Amino acid sequence: PEPLGPEDARDVEARAQAIDPARNVALEASAGTGKTRVLVDRYVGLLAAGVKPRNILAITFTRKAAAEMRQRILAELAARHETGAIPPAEWRALRDEIGDIAISTIDAFCLALLREFPLEADVDPGFELADETETPRLVGAALDRALRIGRSLAVDDEDVALVFAELGEYRLRA
């Protein structure tokens, strides 16, 4: 094979570090650079190192990306099983835990945390998510409250008063 250039060598090294289960990493890269491939390799590497799927936190931005990543993990595991890279006993154990492989969106993860620890988050344990029809009303109410607070602060704070005077409430609301 042709020798790697310095940038390619750095990329290979960075990918090796990113999939090393002994390291904590934050993966940040542009679209189309192979992030999902690295994350799949990392996830599968964690499984190979004996980490149980229920102990792996994998978060994406969208449900579509979460579903795609889960499918790629399952496909990678199946491919490794077919080539014998995963011994039969490990494969049987993994197969029993396939249902625990969960890739979550950020909002679903945060919602799960709030549902599990509402008191620690100072949230009503019976809270419910606002639906799309309620959101504009809630945003408007929050903005009204923020402007009321701002007006009361403007009485004693000349900087806040200046902001209200310069921009006016209409532009502040916008």
N, C-alpha and C. Protein backbone atom coordinates (compact mmCIF):
# COMPACT_ATOMS: atom_id res chain seq x y z
N PRO A 1 0.82 -1.20 0.00
CA PRO A 1 0.00 0.00 0.00
C PRO A 1 0.85 1.26 0.00
N GLU A 2 0.26 2.31 -0.51
CA GLU A 2 0.93 3.61 -0.59
C GLU A 2 1.06 4.21 0.80
N PRO A 3 2.22 4.83 1.13
CA PRO A 3 2.36 5.42 2.47
C PRO A 3 1.37 6.57 2.67
N LEU A 4 0.93 6.72 3.91
CA LEU A 4 -0.02 7.77 4.25
C LEU A 4 0.67 9.11 4.36
N GLY A 5 -0.04 10.15 3.91
CA GLY A 5 0.45 11.51 4.09
C GLY A 5 0.23 11.91 5.54
N PRO A 6 0.78 13.06 5.97
CA PRO A 6 0.66 13.46 7.37
C PRO A 6 -0.79 13.64 7.83
N GLU A 7 -1.65 14.22 6.97
CA GLU A 7 -3.05 14.41 7.37
C GLU A 7 -3.77 13.08 7.50
N ASP A 8 -3.52 12.17 6.55
CA ASP A 8 -4.15 10.86 6.61
C ASP A 8 -3.67 10.09 7.83
N ALA A 9 -2.40 10.20 8.15
CA ALA A 9 -1.85 9.51 9.33
C ALA A 9 -2.50 10.04 10.60
N ARG A 10 -2.68 11.37 10.68
CA ARG A 10 -3.34 11.96 11.85
C ARG A 10 -4.79 11.47 11.96
N ASP A 11 -5.46 11.37 10.79
CA ASP A 11 -6.84 10.89 10.78
C ASP A 11 -6.93 9.45 11.28
N VAL A 12 -6.03 8.61 10.81
CA VAL A 12 -6.01 7.21 11.23
C VAL A 12 -5.77 7.12 12.73
N GLU A 13 -4.83 7.92 13.24
CA GLU A 13 -4.53 7.92 14.68
C GLU A 13 -5.73 8.43 15.48
N ALA A 14 -6.36 9.50 15.01
CA ALA A 14 -7.53 10.06 15.72
C ALA A 14 -8.67 9.05 15.76
N ARG A 15 -8.88 8.34 14.65
CA ARG A 15 -9.95 7.33 14.63
C ARG A 15 -9.63 6.18 15.59
N ALA A 16 -8.37 5.79 15.64
CA ALA A 16 -7.97 4.72 16.57
C ALA A 16 -8.21 5.15 18.01
N GLN A 17 -7.89 6.38 18.32
CA GLN A 17 -8.14 6.88 19.68
C GLN A 17 -9.63 6.97 19.97
N ALA A 18 -10.41 7.39 18.97
CA ALA A 18 -11.85 7.57 19.16
C ALA A 18 -12.57 6.26 19.43
N ILE A 19 -12.06 5.15 18.89
CA ILE A 19 -12.75 3.87 19.12
C ILE A 19 -12.16 3.09 20.28
N ASP A 20 -11.11 3.61 20.90
CA ASP A 20 -10.49 2.95 22.05
C ASP A 20 -11.43 3.03 23.25
N PRO A 21 -11.96 1.89 23.73
CA PRO A 21 -12.92 1.92 24.83
C PRO A 21 -12.34 2.42 26.15
N ALA A 22 -11.03 2.50 26.25
CA ALA A 22 -10.40 2.97 27.49
C ALA A 22 -10.35 4.50 27.55
N ARG A 23 -10.68 5.16 26.44
CA ARG A 23 -10.59 6.63 26.38
C ARG A 23 -11.98 7.25 26.39
N ASN A 24 -12.07 8.42 26.98
CA ASN A 24 -13.26 9.25 26.86
C ASN A 24 -12.99 10.22 25.72
N VAL A 25 -13.92 10.33 24.81
CA VAL A 25 -13.71 11.20 23.65
C VAL A 25 -14.96 12.01 23.36
N ALA A 26 -14.75 13.16 22.76
CA ALA A 26 -15.82 13.95 22.18
C ALA A 26 -15.52 13.99 20.69
N LEU A 27 -16.44 13.49 19.91
CA LEU A 27 -16.22 13.40 18.46
C LEU A 27 -16.92 14.57 17.78
N GLU A 28 -16.14 15.38 17.10
CA GLU A 28 -16.67 16.56 16.42
C GLU A 28 -16.06 16.58 15.03
N ALA A 29 -16.91 16.56 14.02
CA ALA A 29 -16.41 16.57 12.64
C ALA A 29 -17.53 17.02 11.71
N SER A 30 -17.15 17.44 10.53
CA SER A 30 -18.11 17.90 9.53
C SER A 30 -18.92 16.74 8.98
N ALA A 31 -20.00 17.09 8.31
CA ALA A 31 -20.84 16.08 7.66
C ALA A 31 -20.03 15.30 6.63
N GLY A 32 -20.31 14.02 6.54
CA GLY A 32 -19.68 13.19 5.53
C GLY A 32 -18.25 12.76 5.82
N THR A 33 -17.80 12.95 7.06
CA THR A 33 -16.41 12.61 7.39
C THR A 33 -16.27 11.23 8.03
N GLY A 34 -17.40 10.55 8.24
CA GLY A 34 -17.33 9.21 8.81
C GLY A 34 -17.57 9.14 10.31
N LYS A 35 -18.25 10.15 10.86
CA LYS A 35 -18.54 10.13 12.31
C LYS A 35 -19.35 8.89 12.70
N THR A 36 -20.38 8.60 11.91
CA THR A 36 -21.23 7.45 12.27
C THR A 36 -20.42 6.17 12.25
N ARG A 37 -19.53 6.02 11.28
CA ARG A 37 -18.68 4.82 11.21
C ARG A 37 -17.82 4.71 12.47
N VAL A 38 -17.24 5.83 12.88
CA VAL A 38 -16.40 5.83 14.08
C VAL A 38 -17.25 5.48 15.31
N LEU A 39 -18.44 6.08 15.40
CA LEU A 39 -19.30 5.82 16.56
C LEU A 39 -19.76 4.36 16.60
N VAL A 40 -20.06 3.81 15.44
CA VAL A 40 -20.44 2.39 15.38
C VAL A 40 -19.27 1.53 15.83
N ASP A 41 -18.07 1.82 15.32
CA ASP A 41 -16.88 1.05 15.72
C ASP A 41 -16.63 1.19 17.22
N ARG A 42 -16.84 2.39 17.75
CA ARG A 42 -16.64 2.60 19.19
C ARG A 42 -17.66 1.80 19.99
N TYR A 43 -18.91 1.85 19.58
CA TYR A 43 -19.97 1.13 20.28
C TYR A 43 -19.67 -0.38 20.28
N VAL A 44 -19.37 -0.90 19.11
CA VAL A 44 -19.06 -2.33 18.98
C VAL A 44 -17.80 -2.66 19.78
N GLY A 45 -16.83 -1.75 19.79
CA GLY A 45 -15.61 -1.97 20.59
C GLY A 45 -15.92 -2.02 22.08
N LEU A 46 -16.84 -1.17 22.53
CA LEU A 46 -17.24 -1.22 23.94
C LEU A 46 -17.90 -2.55 24.26
N LEU A 47 -18.76 -3.03 23.35
CA LEU A 47 -19.39 -4.34 23.55
C LEU A 47 -18.34 -5.44 23.60
N ALA A 48 -17.36 -5.36 22.70
CA ALA A 48 -16.29 -6.37 22.66
C ALA A 48 -15.45 -6.33 23.93
N ALA A 49 -15.35 -5.16 24.55
CA ALA A 49 -14.59 -5.03 25.79
C ALA A 49 -15.39 -5.49 27.01
N GLY A 50 -16.63 -5.93 26.77
CA GLY A 50 -17.44 -6.47 27.85
C GLY A 50 -18.43 -5.50 28.47
N VAL A 51 -18.52 -4.30 27.91
CA VAL A 51 -19.49 -3.33 28.43
C VAL A 51 -20.89 -3.76 28.00
N LYS A 52 -21.81 -3.78 28.93
CA LYS A 52 -23.19 -4.16 28.63
C LYS A 52 -23.88 -3.01 27.89
N PRO A 53 -24.72 -3.33 26.91
CA PRO A 53 -25.40 -2.27 26.15
C PRO A 53 -26.17 -1.29 27.04
N ARG A 54 -26.74 -1.76 28.12
CA ARG A 54 -27.51 -0.86 29.00
C ARG A 54 -26.61 0.16 29.69
N ASN A 55 -25.29 -0.05 29.65
CA ASN A 55 -24.34 0.87 30.26
C ASN A 55 -23.67 1.80 29.25
N ILE A 56 -24.14 1.78 28.03
CA ILE A 56 -23.56 2.64 26.98
C ILE A 56 -24.58 3.72 26.64
N LEU A 57 -24.14 4.95 26.72
CA LEU A 57 -24.98 6.08 26.34
C LEU A 57 -24.56 6.55 24.96
N ALA A 58 -25.49 6.45 24.03
CA ALA A 58 -25.24 6.91 22.66
C ALA A 58 -26.36 7.87 22.30
N ILE A 59 -25.99 9.09 21.94
CA ILE A 59 -26.97 10.13 21.67
C ILE A 59 -26.74 10.74 20.29
N THR A 60 -27.83 10.95 19.57
CA THR A 60 -27.78 11.63 18.28
C THR A 60 -28.76 12.79 18.31
N PHE A 61 -28.82 13.54 17.22
CA PHE A 61 -29.72 14.68 17.17
C PHE A 61 -31.13 14.30 16.72
N THR A 62 -31.25 13.33 15.82
CA THR A 62 -32.57 13.01 15.26
C THR A 62 -32.91 11.54 15.46
N ARG A 63 -34.22 11.25 15.45
CA ARG A 63 -34.66 9.85 15.55
C ARG A 63 -34.17 9.05 14.36
N LYS A 64 -34.15 9.68 13.19
CA LYS A 64 -33.67 9.00 11.98
C LYS A 64 -32.21 8.58 12.16
N ALA A 65 -31.39 9.49 12.66
CA ALA A 65 -29.97 9.17 12.88
C ALA A 65 -29.81 8.09 13.94
N ALA A 66 -30.65 8.14 14.99
CA ALA A 66 -30.59 7.12 16.04
C ALA A 66 -30.94 5.75 15.48
N ALA A 67 -31.99 5.69 14.67
CA ALA A 67 -32.40 4.41 14.07
C ALA A 67 -31.32 3.89 13.13
N GLU A 68 -30.74 4.79 12.34
CA GLU A 68 -29.67 4.39 11.41
C GLU A 68 -28.46 3.85 12.17
N MET A 69 -28.09 4.53 13.22
CA MET A 69 -26.93 4.09 13.99
C MET A 69 -27.19 2.72 14.62
N ARG A 70 -28.37 2.52 15.17
CA ARG A 70 -28.71 1.23 15.77
C ARG A 70 -28.64 0.12 14.71
N GLN A 71 -29.20 0.38 13.52
CA GLN A 71 -29.15 -0.60 12.44
C GLN A 71 -27.72 -0.92 12.03
N ARG A 72 -26.87 0.10 11.98
CA ARG A 72 -25.48 -0.12 11.59
C ARG A 72 -24.74 -0.93 12.65
N ILE A 73 -25.04 -0.68 13.91
CA ILE A 73 -24.43 -1.45 14.99
C ILE A 73 -24.84 -2.92 14.87
N LEU A 74 -26.13 -3.15 14.67
CA LEU A 74 -26.61 -4.53 14.54
C LEU A 74 -25.99 -5.21 13.32
N ALA A 75 -25.89 -4.47 12.21
CA ALA A 75 -25.27 -5.04 11.00
C ALA A 75 -23.80 -5.36 11.23
N GLU A 76 -23.09 -4.48 11.92
CA GLU A 76 -21.67 -4.71 12.21
C GLU A 76 -21.50 -5.93 13.11
N LEU A 77 -22.36 -6.05 14.11
CA LEU A 77 -22.29 -7.22 14.99
C LEU A 77 -22.55 -8.50 14.21
N ALA A 78 -23.57 -8.48 13.34
CA ALA A 78 -23.88 -9.66 12.53
C ALA A 78 -22.72 -10.01 11.61
N ALA A 79 -22.10 -8.99 11.00
CA ALA A 79 -20.97 -9.22 10.10
C ALA A 79 -19.79 -9.83 10.86
N ARG A 80 -19.53 -9.31 12.05
CA ARG A 80 -18.42 -9.85 12.85
C ARG A 80 -18.71 -11.27 13.31
N HIS A 81 -19.98 -11.55 13.58
CA HIS A 81 -20.36 -12.92 13.96
C HIS A 81 -20.13 -13.87 12.79
N GLU A 82 -20.55 -13.44 11.59
CA GLU A 82 -20.41 -14.30 10.41
C GLU A 82 -18.95 -14.59 10.08
N THR A 83 -18.06 -13.64 10.34
CA THR A 83 -16.64 -13.86 10.04
C THR A 83 -15.92 -14.57 11.18
N GLY A 84 -16.62 -14.80 12.27
CA GLY A 84 -16.00 -15.47 13.42
C GLY A 84 -15.25 -14.54 14.34
N ALA A 85 -15.34 -13.22 14.10
CA ALA A 85 -14.65 -12.26 14.96
C ALA A 85 -15.27 -12.20 16.35
N ILE A 86 -16.52 -12.60 16.45
CA ILE A 86 -17.18 -12.68 17.76
C ILE A 86 -17.37 -14.17 18.07
N PRO A 87 -16.72 -14.65 19.12
CA PRO A 87 -16.85 -16.07 19.47
C PRO A 87 -18.31 -16.45 19.76
N PRO A 88 -18.69 -17.71 19.52
CA PRO A 88 -20.08 -18.13 19.68
C PRO A 88 -20.68 -17.82 21.06
N ALA A 89 -19.93 -18.01 22.12
CA ALA A 89 -20.47 -17.74 23.47
C ALA A 89 -20.77 -16.25 23.64
N GLU A 90 -19.85 -15.41 23.16
CA GLU A 90 -20.08 -13.96 23.23
C GLU A 90 -21.28 -13.56 22.37
N TRP A 91 -21.40 -14.20 21.21
CA TRP A 91 -22.51 -13.89 20.32
C TRP A 91 -23.85 -14.23 20.99
N ARG A 92 -23.91 -15.38 21.66
CA ARG A 92 -25.15 -15.76 22.34
C ARG A 92 -25.50 -14.74 23.42
N ALA A 93 -24.50 -14.31 24.19
CA ALA A 93 -24.74 -13.32 25.24
C ALA A 93 -25.18 -11.98 24.63
N LEU A 94 -24.52 -11.58 23.57
CA LEU A 94 -24.88 -10.33 22.90
C LEU A 94 -26.29 -10.40 22.33
N ARG A 95 -26.61 -11.52 21.73
CA ARG A 95 -27.93 -11.69 21.11
C ARG A 95 -29.04 -11.51 22.16
N ASP A 96 -28.77 -11.98 23.38
CA ASP A 96 -29.75 -11.83 24.46
C ASP A 96 -29.89 -10.38 24.91
N GLU A 97 -28.89 -9.55 24.61
CA GLU A 97 -28.91 -8.15 25.05
C GLU A 97 -29.17 -7.17 23.91
N ILE A 98 -29.48 -7.67 22.73
CA ILE A 98 -29.72 -6.81 21.57
C ILE A 98 -30.80 -5.77 21.88
N GLY A 99 -31.82 -6.15 22.61
CA GLY A 99 -32.90 -5.23 22.95
C GLY A 99 -32.44 -4.07 23.81
N ASP A 100 -31.30 -4.23 24.50
CA ASP A 100 -30.77 -3.16 25.35
C ASP A 100 -29.95 -2.13 24.57
N ILE A 101 -29.69 -2.41 23.29
CA ILE A 101 -28.94 -1.45 22.48
C ILE A 101 -29.89 -0.31 22.14
N ALA A 102 -29.67 0.80 22.81
CA ALA A 102 -30.55 1.96 22.63
C ALA A 102 -29.73 3.17 22.24
N ILE A 103 -30.12 3.78 21.15
CA ILE A 103 -29.51 5.03 20.73
C ILE A 103 -30.61 6.07 20.91
N SER A 104 -30.31 7.12 21.61
CA SER A 104 -31.33 8.09 21.97
C SER A 104 -31.07 9.43 21.30
N THR A 105 -32.14 10.21 21.16
CA THR A 105 -31.95 11.60 20.77
C THR A 105 -31.65 12.40 22.03
N ILE A 106 -31.11 13.58 21.87
CA ILE A 106 -30.79 14.43 23.02
C ILE A 106 -32.06 14.73 23.81
N ASP A 107 -33.14 15.10 23.10
CA ASP A 107 -34.36 15.45 23.83
C ASP A 107 -34.96 14.25 24.54
N ALA A 108 -34.92 13.07 23.93
CA ALA A 108 -35.45 11.87 24.59
C ALA A 108 -34.62 11.53 25.83
N PHE A 109 -33.30 11.68 25.73
CA PHE A 109 -32.43 11.41 26.88
C PHE A 109 -32.73 12.37 28.02
N CYS A 110 -32.84 13.65 27.70
CA CYS A 110 -33.14 14.65 28.74
C CYS A 110 -34.51 14.40 29.36
N LEU A 111 -35.48 14.04 28.55
CA LEU A 111 -36.81 13.74 29.05
C LEU A 111 -36.76 12.55 30.00
N ALA A 112 -36.00 11.52 29.64
CA ALA A 112 -35.87 10.34 30.51
C ALA A 112 -35.23 10.73 31.84
N LEU A 113 -34.21 11.59 31.80
CA LEU A 113 -33.59 12.05 33.05
C LEU A 113 -34.58 12.81 33.92
N LEU A 114 -35.36 13.71 33.30
CA LEU A 114 -36.34 14.47 34.06
C LEU A 114 -37.42 13.57 34.65
N ARG A 115 -37.83 12.55 33.90
CA ARG A 115 -38.84 11.62 34.41
C ARG A 115 -38.28 10.78 35.56
N GLU A 116 -37.00 10.44 35.48
CA GLU A 116 -36.38 9.61 36.53
C GLU A 116 -36.02 10.43 37.77
N PHE A 117 -35.64 11.69 37.58
CA PHE A 117 -35.19 12.52 38.70
C PHE A 117 -35.91 13.88 38.73
N PRO A 118 -37.23 13.89 38.79
CA PRO A 118 -37.94 15.17 38.73
C PRO A 118 -37.66 16.07 39.93
N LEU A 119 -37.55 15.49 41.11
CA LEU A 119 -37.33 16.31 42.30
C LEU A 119 -35.95 16.95 42.28
N GLU A 120 -34.95 16.20 41.84
CA GLU A 120 -33.59 16.75 41.76
C GLU A 120 -33.52 17.88 40.73
N ALA A 121 -34.38 17.79 39.70
CA ALA A 121 -34.40 18.82 38.66
C ALA A 121 -35.37 19.95 39.00
N ASP A 122 -35.99 19.85 40.17
CA ASP A 122 -36.97 20.84 40.62
C ASP A 122 -38.11 20.97 39.61
N VAL A 123 -38.60 19.80 39.18
CA VAL A 123 -39.70 19.72 38.22
C VAL A 123 -40.84 18.95 38.88
N ASP A 124 -42.06 19.36 38.61
CA ASP A 124 -43.23 18.65 39.10
C ASP A 124 -43.18 17.21 38.59
N PRO A 125 -43.23 16.21 39.49
CA PRO A 125 -43.15 14.81 39.04
C PRO A 125 -44.24 14.42 38.03
N GLY A 126 -45.35 15.13 38.02
CA GLY A 126 -46.42 14.83 37.07
C GLY A 126 -46.36 15.67 35.81
N PHE A 127 -45.20 16.27 35.52
CA PHE A 127 -45.11 17.16 34.36
C PHE A 127 -45.45 16.42 33.07
N GLU A 128 -45.92 17.20 32.11
CA GLU A 128 -46.19 16.66 30.77
C GLU A 128 -45.54 17.58 29.74
N LEU A 129 -45.23 17.01 28.62
CA LEU A 129 -44.65 17.81 27.54
C LEU A 129 -45.73 18.62 26.86
N ALA A 130 -45.38 19.84 26.49
CA ALA A 130 -46.31 20.67 25.73
C ALA A 130 -46.35 20.15 24.30
N ASP A 131 -47.55 20.12 23.74
CA ASP A 131 -47.62 19.73 22.33
C ASP A 131 -47.40 20.96 21.45
N GLU A 132 -47.30 20.73 20.17
CA GLU A 132 -46.97 21.80 19.23
C GLU A 132 -47.99 22.93 19.23
N THR A 133 -49.24 22.63 19.57
CA THR A 133 -50.26 23.68 19.57
C THR A 133 -50.13 24.58 20.79
N GLU A 134 -49.55 24.06 21.88
CA GLU A 134 -49.39 24.85 23.10
C GLU A 134 -48.13 25.71 23.09
N THR A 135 -47.15 25.33 22.30
CA THR A 135 -45.85 26.00 22.32
C THR A 135 -45.93 27.50 22.08
N PRO A 136 -46.65 27.98 21.06
CA PRO A 136 -46.69 29.45 20.87
C PRO A 136 -47.28 30.17 22.08
N ARG A 137 -48.31 29.61 22.69
CA ARG A 137 -48.90 30.25 23.87
C ARG A 137 -47.91 30.28 25.01
N LEU A 138 -47.18 29.19 25.22
CA LEU A 138 -46.20 29.13 26.31
C LEU A 138 -45.03 30.09 26.07
N VAL A 139 -44.60 30.17 24.82
CA VAL A 139 -43.51 31.09 24.48
C VAL A 139 -43.97 32.53 24.72
N GLY A 140 -45.18 32.83 24.31
CA GLY A 140 -45.73 34.17 24.52
C GLY A 140 -45.84 34.51 26.00
N ALA A 141 -46.30 33.55 26.80
CA ALA A 141 -46.43 33.78 28.24
C ALA A 141 -45.06 34.00 28.87
N ALA A 142 -44.07 33.22 28.44
CA ALA A 142 -42.72 33.37 28.98
C ALA A 142 -42.13 34.73 28.59
N LEU A 143 -42.39 35.16 27.36
CA LEU A 143 -41.90 36.45 26.90
C LEU A 143 -42.58 37.59 27.68
N ASP A 144 -43.90 37.48 27.89
CA ASP A 144 -44.62 38.48 28.69
C ASP A 144 -44.00 38.59 30.08
N ARG A 145 -43.72 37.44 30.69
CA ARG A 145 -43.14 37.44 32.04
C ARG A 145 -41.75 38.07 32.02
N ALA A 146 -40.94 37.71 31.03
CA ALA A 146 -39.58 38.27 30.94
C ALA A 146 -39.64 39.79 30.76
N LEU A 147 -40.57 40.28 29.96
CA LEU A 147 -40.69 41.72 29.76
C LEU A 147 -41.19 42.41 31.03
N ARG A 148 -42.11 41.77 31.75
CA ARG A 148 -42.57 42.33 33.03
C ARG A 148 -41.41 42.45 34.01
N ILE A 149 -40.61 41.40 34.08
CA ILE A 149 -39.43 41.42 34.96
C ILE A 149 -38.47 42.52 34.51
N GLY A 150 -38.25 42.62 33.20
CA GLY A 150 -37.37 43.65 32.67
C GLY A 150 -37.85 45.06 32.99
N ARG A 151 -39.16 45.29 32.85
CA ARG A 151 -39.72 46.61 33.17
C ARG A 151 -39.52 46.94 34.65
N SER A 152 -39.71 45.93 35.52
CA SER A 152 -39.52 46.20 36.96
C SER A 152 -38.04 46.44 37.27
N LEU A 153 -37.15 45.78 36.58
CA LEU A 153 -35.71 46.02 36.77
C LEU A 153 -35.32 47.40 36.26
N ALA A 154 -35.98 47.86 35.22
CA ALA A 154 -35.64 49.14 34.61
C ALA A 154 -35.87 50.31 35.57
N VAL A 155 -36.71 50.10 36.57
CA VAL A 155 -36.97 51.16 37.55
C VAL A 155 -35.69 51.51 38.30
N ASP A 156 -34.89 50.50 38.64
CA ASP A 156 -33.68 50.71 39.44
C ASP A 156 -32.37 50.55 38.66
N ASP A 157 -32.44 50.03 37.43
CA ASP A 157 -31.22 49.75 36.67
C ASP A 157 -31.24 50.57 35.38
N GLU A 158 -30.36 51.56 35.31
CA GLU A 158 -30.40 52.47 34.16
C GLU A 158 -30.00 51.77 32.86
N ASP A 159 -29.18 50.73 32.94
CA ASP A 159 -28.81 50.00 31.72
C ASP A 159 -30.02 49.27 31.13
N VAL A 160 -30.81 48.64 31.99
CA VAL A 160 -32.02 47.96 31.53
C VAL A 160 -33.01 48.99 31.01
N ALA A 161 -33.13 50.12 31.73
CA ALA A 161 -34.03 51.19 31.28
C ALA A 161 -33.61 51.70 29.91
N LEU A 162 -32.32 51.81 29.67
CA LEU A 162 -31.82 52.27 28.38
C LEU A 162 -32.18 51.28 27.27
N VAL A 163 -32.06 50.00 27.54
CA VAL A 163 -32.43 48.98 26.55
C VAL A 163 -33.90 49.12 26.17
N PHE A 164 -34.76 49.26 27.19
CA PHE A 164 -36.19 49.43 26.92
C PHE A 164 -36.45 50.72 26.15
N ALA A 165 -35.76 51.79 26.52
CA ALA A 165 -35.97 53.08 25.86
C ALA A 165 -35.47 53.04 24.42
N GLU A 166 -34.30 52.45 24.19
CA GLU A 166 -33.70 52.42 22.85
C GLU A 166 -34.46 51.50 21.89
N LEU A 167 -34.81 50.32 22.37
CA LEU A 167 -35.41 49.34 21.48
C LEU A 167 -36.94 49.39 21.47
N GLY A 168 -37.49 49.75 22.58
CA GLY A 168 -38.96 49.72 22.67
C GLY A 168 -39.44 48.29 22.86
N GLU A 169 -40.62 48.19 23.44
CA GLU A 169 -41.13 46.86 23.77
C GLU A 169 -41.45 46.02 22.53
N TYR A 170 -41.88 46.67 21.45
CA TYR A 170 -42.21 45.94 20.22
C TYR A 170 -40.96 45.22 19.69
N ARG A 171 -39.84 45.94 19.60
CA ARG A 171 -38.59 45.32 19.08
C ARG A 171 -38.04 44.31 20.08
N LEU A 172 -38.18 44.59 21.37
CA LEU A 172 -37.73 43.60 22.37
C LEU A 172 -38.53 42.30 22.22
N ARG A 173 -39.82 42.43 22.02
CA ARG A 173 -40.66 41.24 21.85
C ARG A 173 -40.26 40.48 20.59
N ALA A 174 -39.94 41.21 19.54
CA ALA A 174 -39.54 40.56 18.28
C ALA A 174 -38.22 39.85 18.46
